[in-house]
Amino acid sequence: MAEMAEGIARVVDGIVTGRRQRSELAAKTKNATTSRHREVRSLVDSLKASRGRRRSEVKALLAQFGRDRIGRREALRDKAAAFRRDLTRGVAALLDDFAKEDCDRTPAIRQLLGAYALERRNAIAVWDGR
């Protein structure tokens, strides 16, 4: 009977040892899981904060881009207006020069036309035998 009691004691001891080992393993696993959960949570929080900062930076850059775009548009508009003004002034000056040249040429053209008319009358008179 003593042998049987020793065998049962060894079986009970094995069961107790197995339970204790499983309990320790479960505690280690739980601690590792909790630790990993904290690390992942910390990483996620860090990424969220980083994304928020990045989002703010992007919004600021987009706002700056919009302001720059409006500034460039206004500068181009001013440049185009200046070009149109210069073009209009140039065309007006050219037209004034043409008008002035026409006024200066008018007496000469009238004289040429008058000479042509006189020559033609003389030619008709000669033709008609007058």
C-alpha atoms as a PDB file:
ATOM      1  CA  MET A   1       0.000   0.000   0.000  1.00  0.00           C
ATOM      2  CA  ALA A   2       2.905   2.290   0.659  1.00  0.00           C
ATOM      3  CA  GLU A   3       3.989   1.907  -2.927  1.00  0.00           C
ATOM      4  CA  MET A   4       0.538   2.762  -4.084  1.00  0.00           C
ATOM      5  CA  ALA A   5       0.478   5.818  -1.855  1.00  0.00           C
ATOM      6  CA  GLU A   6       3.850   6.870  -3.228  1.00  0.00           C
ATOM      7  CA  GLY A   7       2.629   6.386  -6.802  1.00  0.00           C
ATOM      8  CA  ILE A   8      -0.499   8.391  -6.127  1.00  0.00           C
ATOM      9  CA  ALA A   9       1.619  11.058  -4.419  1.00  0.00           C
ATOM     10  CA  ARG A  10       3.863  11.206  -7.510  1.00  0.00           C
ATOM     11  CA  VAL A  11       0.815  11.483  -9.802  1.00  0.00           C
ATOM     12  CA  VAL A  12      -0.690  14.207  -7.600  1.00  0.00           C
ATOM     13  CA  ASP A  13       2.693  15.951  -7.492  1.00  0.00           C
ATOM     14  CA  GLY A  14       2.892  15.749 -11.324  1.00  0.00           C
ATOM     15  CA  ILE A  15      -0.615  17.163 -11.659  1.00  0.00           C
ATOM     16  CA  VAL A  16       0.161  19.998  -9.226  1.00  0.00           C
ATOM     17  CA  THR A  17       3.455  20.715 -10.992  1.00  0.00           C
ATOM     18  CA  GLY A  18       1.724  20.689 -14.407  1.00  0.00           C
ATOM     19  CA  ARG A  19      -0.994  23.052 -13.147  1.00  0.00           C
ATOM     20  CA  ARG A  20       1.610  25.386 -11.649  1.00  0.00           C
ATOM     21  CA  GLN A  21       3.644  25.387 -14.891  1.00  0.00           C
ATOM     22  CA  ARG A  22       0.524  26.058 -16.959  1.00  0.00           C
ATOM     23  CA  SER A  23      -0.490  28.813 -14.558  1.00  0.00           C
ATOM     24  CA  GLU A  24       2.977  30.408 -14.773  1.00  0.00           C
ATOM     25  CA  LEU A  25       2.933  30.084 -18.572  1.00  0.00           C
ATOM     26  CA  ALA A  26      -0.558  31.644 -18.673  1.00  0.00           C
ATOM     27  CA  ALA A  27       0.664  34.521 -16.462  1.00  0.00           C
ATOM     28  CA  LYS A  28       3.740  35.066 -18.711  1.00  0.00           C
ATOM     29  CA  THR A  29       1.547  34.961 -21.831  1.00  0.00           C
ATOM     30  CA  LYS A  30      -0.932  37.392 -20.266  1.00  0.00           C
ATOM     31  CA  ASN A  31       1.885  39.764 -19.246  1.00  0.00           C
ATOM     32  CA  ALA A  32       3.457  39.559 -22.725  1.00  0.00           C
ATOM     33  CA  THR A  33       0.060  40.169 -24.352  1.00  0.00           C
ATOM     34  CA  THR A  34      -0.653  43.124 -22.077  1.00  0.00           C
ATOM     35  CA  SER A  35       2.785  44.566 -22.755  1.00  0.00           C
ATOM     36  CA  ARG A  36       2.379  44.099 -26.528  1.00  0.00           C
ATOM     37  CA  HIS A  37      -1.109  45.647 -26.352  1.00  0.00           C
ATOM     38  CA  ARG A  38       0.354  48.714 -24.606  1.00  0.00           C
ATOM     39  CA  GLU A  39       3.110  48.983 -27.239  1.00  0.00           C
ATOM     40  CA  VAL A  40       0.627  48.724 -30.105  1.00  0.00           C
ATOM     41  CA  ARG A  41      -1.714  51.232 -28.423  1.00  0.00           C
ATOM     42  CA  SER A  42       1.215  53.619 -27.933  1.00  0.00           C
ATOM     43  CA  LEU A  43       2.217  53.191 -31.603  1.00  0.00           C
ATOM     44  CA  VAL A  44      -1.352  53.789 -32.791  1.00  0.00           C
ATOM     45  CA  ASP A  45      -1.662  56.904 -30.607  1.00  0.00           C
ATOM     46  CA  SER A  46       1.669  58.159 -31.925  1.00  0.00           C
ATOM     47  CA  LEU A  47       0.560  57.556 -35.523  1.00  0.00           C
ATOM     48  CA  LYS A  48      -2.740  59.335 -34.893  1.00  0.00           C
ATOM     49  CA  ALA A  49      -0.909  62.334 -33.448  1.00  0.00           C
ATOM     50  CA  SER A  50       1.540  62.292 -36.356  1.00  0.00           C
ATOM     51  CA  ARG A  51      -1.320  62.068 -38.842  1.00  0.00           C
ATOM     52  CA  GLY A  52      -3.021  64.998 -37.142  1.00  0.00           C
ATOM     53  CA  ARG A  53       0.166  67.071 -37.375  1.00  0.00           C
ATOM     54  CA  ARG A  54       0.672  66.027 -40.981  1.00  0.00           C
ATOM     55  CA  ARG A  55      -2.941  66.858 -41.773  1.00  0.00           C
ATOM     56  CA  SER A  56      -2.440  70.308 -40.244  1.00  0.00           C
ATOM     57  CA  GLU A  57       0.717  70.785 -42.290  1.00  0.00           C
ATOM     58  CA  VAL A  58      -1.082  69.752 -45.473  1.00  0.00           C
ATOM     59  CA  LYS A  59      -3.940  72.158 -44.731  1.00  0.00           C
ATOM     60  CA  ALA A  60      -1.433  74.957 -44.143  1.00  0.00           C
ATOM     61  CA  LEU A  61       0.391  74.129 -47.381  1.00  0.00           C
ATOM     62  CA  LEU A  62      -2.864  74.019 -49.340  1.00  0.00           C
ATOM     63  CA  ALA A  63      -3.904  77.379 -47.893  1.00  0.00           C
ATOM     64  CA  GLN A  64      -0.502  78.856 -48.800  1.00  0.00           C
ATOM     65  CA  PHE A  65      -0.762  77.371 -52.295  1.00  0.00           C
ATOM     66  CA  GLY A  66      -4.206  78.959 -52.692  1.00  0.00           C
ATOM     67  CA  ARG A  67      -2.883  82.344 -51.604  1.00  0.00           C
ATOM     68  CA  ASP A  68       0.103  82.029 -53.935  1.00  0.00           C
ATOM     69  CA  ARG A  69      -2.166  80.988 -56.783  1.00  0.00           C
ATOM     70  CA  ILE A  70      -4.396  84.010 -56.251  1.00  0.00           C
ATOM     71  CA  GLY A  71      -1.301  86.225 -56.102  1.00  0.00           C
ATOM     72  CA  ARG A  72       0.051  84.743 -59.340  1.00  0.00           C
ATOM     73  CA  ARG A  73      -3.347  85.114 -60.999  1.00  0.00           C
ATOM     74  CA  GLU A  74      -3.501  88.787 -60.001  1.00  0.00           C
ATOM     75  CA  ALA A  75       0.076  89.334 -61.194  1.00  0.00           C
ATOM     76  CA  LEU A  76      -0.737  87.717 -64.541  1.00  0.00           C
ATOM     77  CA  ARG A  77      -3.898  89.792 -64.816  1.00  0.00           C
ATOM     78  CA  ASP A  78      -1.904  92.978 -64.133  1.00  0.00           C
ATOM     79  CA  LYS A  79       0.753  91.930 -66.629  1.00  0.00           C
ATOM     80  CA  ALA A  80      -1.898  91.221 -69.290  1.00  0.00           C
ATOM     81  CA  ALA A  81      -3.567  94.582 -68.621  1.00  0.00           C
ATOM     82  CA  ALA A  82      -0.203  96.364 -68.973  1.00  0.00           C
ATOM     83  CA  PHE A  83       0.431  94.497 -72.238  1.00  0.00           C
ATOM     84  CA  ARG A  84      -2.998  95.515 -73.584  1.00  0.00           C
ATOM     85  CA  ARG A  85      -2.389  99.146 -72.574  1.00  0.00           C
ATOM     86  CA  ASP A  86       1.012  99.160 -74.282  1.00  0.00           C
ATOM     87  CA  LEU A  87      -0.430  97.490 -77.362  1.00  0.00           C
ATOM     88  CA  THR A  88      -3.294  99.985 -77.528  1.00  0.00           C
ATOM     89  CA  ARG A  89      -0.879 102.911 -77.169  1.00  0.00           C
ATOM     90  CA  GLY A  90       1.390 101.452 -79.858  1.00  0.00           C
ATOM     91  CA  VAL A  91      -1.493 100.948 -82.281  1.00  0.00           C
ATOM     92  CA  ALA A  92      -2.802 104.446 -81.572  1.00  0.00           C
ATOM     93  CA  ALA A  93       0.658 105.919 -82.194  1.00  0.00           C
ATOM     94  CA  LEU A  94       0.976 103.941 -85.440  1.00  0.00           C
ATOM     95  CA  LEU A  95      -2.455 105.111 -86.607  1.00  0.00           C
ATOM     96  CA  ASP A  96      -1.519 108.702 -85.743  1.00  0.00           C
ATOM     97  CA  ASP A  97       1.669 108.332 -87.796  1.00  0.00           C
ATOM     98  CA  PHE A  98      -0.323 106.940 -90.729  1.00  0.00           C
ATOM     99  CA  ALA A  99      -2.832 109.800 -90.435  1.00  0.00           C
ATOM    100  CA  LYS A 100      -0.012 112.342 -90.302  1.00  0.00           C
ATOM    101  CA  GLU A 101       1.719 110.765 -93.309  1.00  0.00           C
ATOM    102  CA  ASP A 102      -1.608 110.770 -95.164  1.00  0.00           C
ATOM    103  CA  CYS A 103      -2.074 114.459 -94.375  1.00  0.00           C
ATOM    104  CA  ASP A 104       1.452 115.154 -95.568  1.00  0.00           C
ATOM    105  CA  ARG A 105       0.919 113.147 -98.773  1.00  0.00           C
ATOM    106  CA  THR A 106      -2.482 114.608 -99.586  1.00  0.00           C
ATOM    107  CA  PRO A 107      -1.212 117.777-101.324  1.00  0.00           C
ATOM    108  CA  ALA A 108       1.304 115.750-103.327  1.00  0.00           C
ATOM    109  CA  ILE A 109      -1.372 113.250-104.380  1.00  0.00           C
ATOM    110  CA  ARG A 110      -3.735 116.090-105.332  1.00  0.00           C
ATOM    111  CA  GLN A 111      -0.991 117.646-107.403  1.00  0.00           C
ATOM    112  CA  LEU A 112      -0.308 114.316-109.161  1.00  0.00           C
ATOM    113  CA  LEU A 113      -4.030 113.797-109.806  1.00  0.00           C
ATOM    114  CA  GLY A 114      -4.356 117.372-111.096  1.00  0.00           C
ATOM    115  CA  ALA A 115      -1.384 116.833-113.430  1.00  0.00           C
ATOM    116  CA  TYR A 116      -2.927 113.557-114.624  1.00  0.00           C
ATOM    117  CA  ALA A 117      -6.283 115.276-115.262  1.00  0.00           C
ATOM    118  CA  LEU A 118      -4.580 118.075-117.230  1.00  0.00           C
ATOM    119  CA  GLU A 119      -2.594 115.559-119.248  1.00  0.00           C
ATOM    120  CA  ARG A 120      -5.734 113.589-120.000  1.00  0.00           C
ATOM    121  CA  ARG A 121      -7.643 116.711-121.126  1.00  0.00           C
ATOM    122  CA  ASN A 122      -4.751 117.635-123.373  1.00  0.00           C
ATOM    123  CA  ALA A 123      -4.696 114.073-124.758  1.00  0.00           C
ATOM    124  CA  ILE A 124      -8.457 114.170-125.449  1.00  0.00           C
ATOM    125  CA  ALA A 125      -8.106 117.556-127.094  1.00  0.00           C
ATOM    126  CA  VAL A 126      -5.328 116.266-129.337  1.00  0.00           C
ATOM    127  CA  TRP A 127      -7.400 113.196-130.150  1.00  0.00           C
ATOM    128  CA  ASP A 128     -10.417 115.233-131.001  1.00  0.00           C
ATOM    129  CA  GLY A 129      -8.214 117.569-133.006  1.00  0.00           C
ATOM    130  CA  ARG A 130      -8.922 120.764-131.232  1.00  0.00           C
END
